[in-house]
Amino acid sequence: MNRLASKEEEYRISRKLAEYIDMLETYLIEMDERVASLETMLGLRGLEPPQY
């Protein structure tokens, strides 16, 4: 593989990884919001977790 093709492949892979990272961040934010919503509905928002 010549140098230019190698750089193009590297760029393509890094773009794909950036897309996956963005998707994961979005998913984690959505899950965090859902957990916060459930905690609020259950009256658990702001409570400290039990200490065992």
PDB file of N, CA and C in Angstrom:
ATOM      1  N   MET A   1       0.860  -1.187   0.000  1.00  0.00           N
ATOM      2  CA  MET A   1       0.000   0.000   0.000  1.00  0.00           C
ATOM      3  C   MET A   1       0.900   1.243   0.000  1.00  0.00           C
ATOM      4  N   ASN A   2       0.637   2.146  -0.909  1.00  0.00           N
ATOM      5  CA  ASN A   2       1.482   3.344  -0.937  1.00  0.00           C
ATOM      6  C   ASN A   2       1.140   4.276   0.222  1.00  0.00           C
ATOM      7  N   ARG A   3       2.007   5.242   0.408  1.00  0.00           N
ATOM      8  CA  ARG A   3       1.889   6.136   1.564  1.00  0.00           C
ATOM      9  C   ARG A   3       0.565   6.911   1.577  1.00  0.00           C
ATOM     10  N   LEU A   4       0.136   7.408   0.422  1.00  0.00           N
ATOM     11  CA  LEU A   4      -1.110   8.173   0.341  1.00  0.00           C
ATOM     12  C   LEU A   4      -2.314   7.302   0.690  1.00  0.00           C
ATOM     13  N   ALA A   5      -2.367   6.104   0.138  1.00  0.00           N
ATOM     14  CA  ALA A   5      -3.473   5.188   0.435  1.00  0.00           C
ATOM     15  C   ALA A   5      -3.480   4.837   1.916  1.00  0.00           C
ATOM     16  N   SER A   6      -2.304   4.687   2.482  1.00  0.00           N
ATOM     17  CA  SER A   6      -2.185   4.371   3.901  1.00  0.00           C
ATOM     18  C   SER A   6      -2.761   5.513   4.752  1.00  0.00           C
ATOM     19  N   LYS A   7      -2.424   6.743   4.388  1.00  0.00           N
ATOM     20  CA  LYS A   7      -2.940   7.908   5.121  1.00  0.00           C
ATOM     21  C   LYS A   7      -4.453   8.030   4.951  1.00  0.00           C
ATOM     22  N   GLU A   8      -4.950   7.757   3.755  1.00  0.00           N
ATOM     23  CA  GLU A   8      -6.394   7.822   3.512  1.00  0.00           C
ATOM     24  C   GLU A   8      -7.127   6.779   4.346  1.00  0.00           C
ATOM     25  N   GLU A   9      -6.566   5.580   4.435  1.00  0.00           N
ATOM     26  CA  GLU A   9      -7.171   4.517   5.242  1.00  0.00           C
ATOM     27  C   GLU A   9      -7.149   4.896   6.722  1.00  0.00           C
ATOM     28  N   GLU A  10      -6.036   5.458   7.164  1.00  0.00           N
ATOM     29  CA  GLU A  10      -5.913   5.900   8.555  1.00  0.00           C
ATOM     30  C   GLU A  10      -6.972   6.965   8.867  1.00  0.00           C
ATOM     31  N   TYR A  11      -7.160   7.906   7.947  1.00  0.00           N
ATOM     32  CA  TYR A  11      -8.160   8.957   8.122  1.00  0.00           C
ATOM     33  C   TYR A  11      -9.566   8.360   8.169  1.00  0.00           C
ATOM     34  N   ARG A  12      -9.852   7.424   7.260  1.00  0.00           N
ATOM     35  CA  ARG A  12     -11.171   6.792   7.211  1.00  0.00           C
ATOM     36  C   ARG A  12     -11.465   6.063   8.523  1.00  0.00           C
ATOM     37  N   ILE A  13     -10.483   5.341   9.027  1.00  0.00           N
ATOM     38  CA  ILE A  13     -10.661   4.605  10.282  1.00  0.00           C
ATOM     39  C   ILE A  13     -10.867   5.577  11.441  1.00  0.00           C
ATOM     40  N   SER A  14     -10.088   6.655  11.484  1.00  0.00           N
ATOM     41  CA  SER A  14     -10.237   7.608  12.589  1.00  0.00           C
ATOM     42  C   SER A  14     -11.600   8.300  12.548  1.00  0.00           C
ATOM     43  N   ARG A  15     -12.114   8.574  11.351  1.00  0.00           N
ATOM     44  CA  ARG A  15     -13.452   9.168  11.224  1.00  0.00           C
ATOM     45  C   ARG A  15     -14.510   8.194  11.731  1.00  0.00           C
ATOM     46  N   LYS A  16     -14.370   6.925  11.382  1.00  0.00           N
ATOM     47  CA  LYS A  16     -15.326   5.906  11.816  1.00  0.00           C
ATOM     48  C   LYS A  16     -15.296   5.778  13.340  1.00  0.00           C
ATOM     49  N   LEU A  17     -14.097   5.757  13.913  1.00  0.00           N
ATOM     50  CA  LEU A  17     -13.975   5.694  15.369  1.00  0.00           C
ATOM     51  C   LEU A  17     -14.616   6.913  16.028  1.00  0.00           C
ATOM     52  N   ALA A  18     -14.425   8.080  15.452  1.00  0.00           N
ATOM     53  CA  ALA A  18     -15.029   9.300  15.996  1.00  0.00           C
ATOM     54  C   ALA A  18     -16.552   9.203  15.967  1.00  0.00           C
ATOM     55  N   GLU A  19     -17.101   8.630  14.886  1.00  0.00           N
ATOM     56  CA  GLU A  19     -18.552   8.443  14.796  1.00  0.00           C
ATOM     57  C   GLU A  19     -19.048   7.495  15.884  1.00  0.00           C
ATOM     58  N   TYR A  20     -18.323   6.383  16.091  1.00  0.00           N
ATOM     59  CA  TYR A  20     -18.724   5.424  17.123  1.00  0.00           C
ATOM     60  C   TYR A  20     -18.640   6.045  18.513  1.00  0.00           C
ATOM     61  N   ILE A  21     -17.588   6.813  18.767  1.00  0.00           N
ATOM     62  CA  ILE A  21     -17.444   7.471  20.065  1.00  0.00           C
ATOM     63  C   ILE A  21     -18.597   8.441  20.293  1.00  0.00           C
ATOM     64  N   ASP A  22     -18.961   9.192  19.268  1.00  0.00           N
ATOM     65  CA  ASP A  22     -20.083  10.130  19.367  1.00  0.00           C
ATOM     66  C   ASP A  22     -21.386   9.389  19.660  1.00  0.00           C
ATOM     67  N   MET A  23     -21.598   8.253  18.981  1.00  0.00           N
ATOM     68  CA  MET A  23     -22.808   7.456  19.218  1.00  0.00           C
ATOM     69  C   MET A  23     -22.841   6.946  20.656  1.00  0.00           C
ATOM     70  N   LEU A  24     -21.699   6.472  21.162  1.00  0.00           N
ATOM     71  CA  LEU A  24     -21.639   5.973  22.536  1.00  0.00           C
ATOM     72  C   LEU A  24     -21.890   7.089  23.545  1.00  0.00           C
ATOM     73  N   GLU A  25     -21.311   8.265  23.313  1.00  0.00           N
ATOM     74  CA  GLU A  25     -21.549   9.394  24.212  1.00  0.00           C
ATOM     75  C   GLU A  25     -23.026   9.763  24.245  1.00  0.00           C
ATOM     76  N   THR A  26     -23.652   9.800  23.080  1.00  0.00           N
ATOM     77  CA  THR A  26     -25.079  10.115  22.999  1.00  0.00           C
ATOM     78  C   THR A  26     -25.893   9.078  23.758  1.00  0.00           C
ATOM     79  N   TYR A  27     -25.564   7.805  23.574  1.00  0.00           N
ATOM     80  CA  TYR A  27     -26.269   6.722  24.262  1.00  0.00           C
ATOM     81  C   TYR A  27     -26.112   6.861  25.778  1.00  0.00           C
ATOM     82  N   LEU A  28     -24.894   7.120  26.243  1.00  0.00           N
ATOM     83  CA  LEU A  28     -24.665   7.248  27.682  1.00  0.00           C
ATOM     84  C   LEU A  28     -25.413   8.441  28.268  1.00  0.00           C
ATOM     85  N   ILE A  29     -25.460   9.542  27.547  1.00  0.00           N
ATOM     86  CA  ILE A  29     -26.209  10.716  28.012  1.00  0.00           C
ATOM     87  C   ILE A  29     -27.695  10.381  28.109  1.00  0.00           C
ATOM     88  N   GLU A  30     -28.226   9.691  27.083  1.00  0.00           N
ATOM     89  CA  GLU A  30     -29.645   9.305  27.106  1.00  0.00           C
ATOM     90  C   GLU A  30     -29.939   8.368  28.274  1.00  0.00           C
ATOM     91  N   MET A  31     -29.058   7.409  28.535  1.00  0.00           N
ATOM     92  CA  MET A  31     -29.271   6.477  29.644  1.00  0.00           C
ATOM     93  C   MET A  31     -29.206   7.211  30.979  1.00  0.00           C
ATOM     94  N   ASP A  32     -28.279   8.157  31.112  1.00  0.00           N
ATOM     95  CA  ASP A  32     -28.167   8.941  32.337  1.00  0.00           C
ATOM     96  C   ASP A  32     -29.445   9.740  32.578  1.00  0.00           C
ATOM     97  N   GLU A  33     -29.997  10.314  31.506  1.00  0.00           N
ATOM     98  CA  GLU A  33     -31.253  11.061  31.629  1.00  0.00           C
ATOM     99  C   GLU A  33     -32.404  10.141  32.018  1.00  0.00           C
ATOM    100  N   ARG A  34     -32.424   8.930  31.477  1.00  0.00           N
ATOM    101  CA  ARG A  34     -33.490   7.979  31.830  1.00  0.00           C
ATOM    102  C   ARG A  34     -33.381   7.556  33.289  1.00  0.00           C
ATOM    103  N   VAL A  35     -32.157   7.320  33.757  1.00  0.00           N
ATOM    104  CA  VAL A  35     -31.953   6.960  35.163  1.00  0.00           C
ATOM    105  C   VAL A  35     -32.406   8.108  36.060  1.00  0.00           C
ATOM    106  N   ALA A  36     -32.039   9.330  35.713  1.00  0.00           N
ATOM    107  CA  ALA A  36     -32.445  10.493  36.509  1.00  0.00           C
ATOM    108  C   ALA A  36     -33.964  10.609  36.544  1.00  0.00           C
ATOM    109  N   SER A  37     -34.609  10.365  35.408  1.00  0.00           N
ATOM    110  CA  SER A  37     -36.067  10.429  35.339  1.00  0.00           C
ATOM    111  C   SER A  37     -36.701   9.363  36.233  1.00  0.00           C
ATOM    112  N   LEU A  38     -36.172   8.150  36.168  1.00  0.00           N
ATOM    113  CA  LEU A  38     -36.699   7.071  37.015  1.00  0.00           C
ATOM    114  C   LEU A  38     -36.474   7.369  38.493  1.00  0.00           C
ATOM    115  N   GLU A  39     -35.292   7.895  38.834  1.00  0.00           N
ATOM    116  CA  GLU A  39     -35.021   8.247  40.227  1.00  0.00           C
ATOM    117  C   GLU A  39     -36.018   9.294  40.714  1.00  0.00           C
ATOM    118  N   THR A  40     -36.315  10.259  39.870  1.00  0.00           N
ATOM    119  CA  THR A  40     -37.277  11.301  40.232  1.00  0.00           C
ATOM    120  C   THR A  40     -38.662  10.696  40.427  1.00  0.00           C
ATOM    121  N   MET A  41     -39.087   9.837  39.493  1.00  0.00           N
ATOM    122  CA  MET A  41     -40.410   9.207  39.604  1.00  0.00           C
ATOM    123  C   MET A  41     -40.524   8.357  40.866  1.00  0.00           C
ATOM    124  N   LEU A  42     -39.439   7.710  41.253  1.00  0.00           N
ATOM    125  CA  LEU A  42     -39.463   6.842  42.430  1.00  0.00           C
ATOM    126  C   LEU A  42     -39.160   7.600  43.724  1.00  0.00           C
ATOM    127  N   GLY A  43     -38.919   8.883  43.608  1.00  0.00           N
ATOM    128  CA  GLY A  43     -38.620   9.682  44.794  1.00  0.00           C
ATOM    129  C   GLY A  43     -37.231   9.446  45.338  1.00  0.00           C
ATOM    130  N   LEU A  44     -36.339   8.970  44.500  1.00  0.00           N
ATOM    131  CA  LEU A  44     -34.984   8.655  44.951  1.00  0.00           C
ATOM    132  C   LEU A  44     -33.974   9.733  44.585  1.00  0.00           C
ATOM    133  N   ARG A  45     -34.399  10.704  43.816  1.00  0.00           N
ATOM    134  CA  ARG A  45     -33.468  11.726  43.325  1.00  0.00           C
ATOM    135  C   ARG A  45     -32.887  12.501  44.496  1.00  0.00           C
ATOM    136  N   GLY A  46     -31.570  12.601  44.533  1.00  0.00           N
ATOM    137  CA  GLY A  46     -30.904  13.377  45.568  1.00  0.00           C
ATOM    138  C   GLY A  46     -30.595  12.593  46.826  1.00  0.00           C
ATOM    139  N   LEU A  47     -31.092  11.363  46.925  1.00  0.00           N
ATOM    140  CA  LEU A  47     -30.791  10.553  48.099  1.00  0.00           C
ATOM    141  C   LEU A  47     -29.414   9.927  47.953  1.00  0.00           C
ATOM    142  N   GLU A  48     -28.759   9.742  49.077  1.00  0.00           N
ATOM    143  CA  GLU A  48     -27.464   9.066  49.065  1.00  0.00           C
ATOM    144  C   GLU A  48     -27.700   7.561  48.963  1.00  0.00           C
ATOM    145  N   PRO A  49     -26.827   6.848  48.260  1.00  0.00           N
ATOM    146  CA  PRO A  49     -26.978   5.394  48.204  1.00  0.00           C
ATOM    147  C   PRO A  49     -26.753   4.790  49.590  1.00  0.00           C
ATOM    148  N   PRO A  50     -27.374   3.659  49.868  1.00  0.00           N
ATOM    149  CA  PRO A  50     -27.201   3.049  51.195  1.00  0.00           C
ATOM    150  C   PRO A  50     -25.746   2.658  51.435  1.00  0.00           C
ATOM    151  N   GLN A  51     -25.325   2.820  52.665  1.00  0.00           N
ATOM    152  CA  GLN A  51     -23.964   2.419  53.053  1.00  0.00           C
ATOM    153  C   GLN A  51     -24.036   1.053  53.707  1.00  0.00           C
ATOM    154  N   TYR A  52     -23.353   0.112  53.131  1.00  0.00           N
ATOM    155  CA  TYR A  52     -23.375  -1.255  53.675  1.00  0.00           C
ATOM    156  C   TYR A  52     -22.177  -1.505  54.545  1.00  0.00           C
TER     157      TYR A  52
END
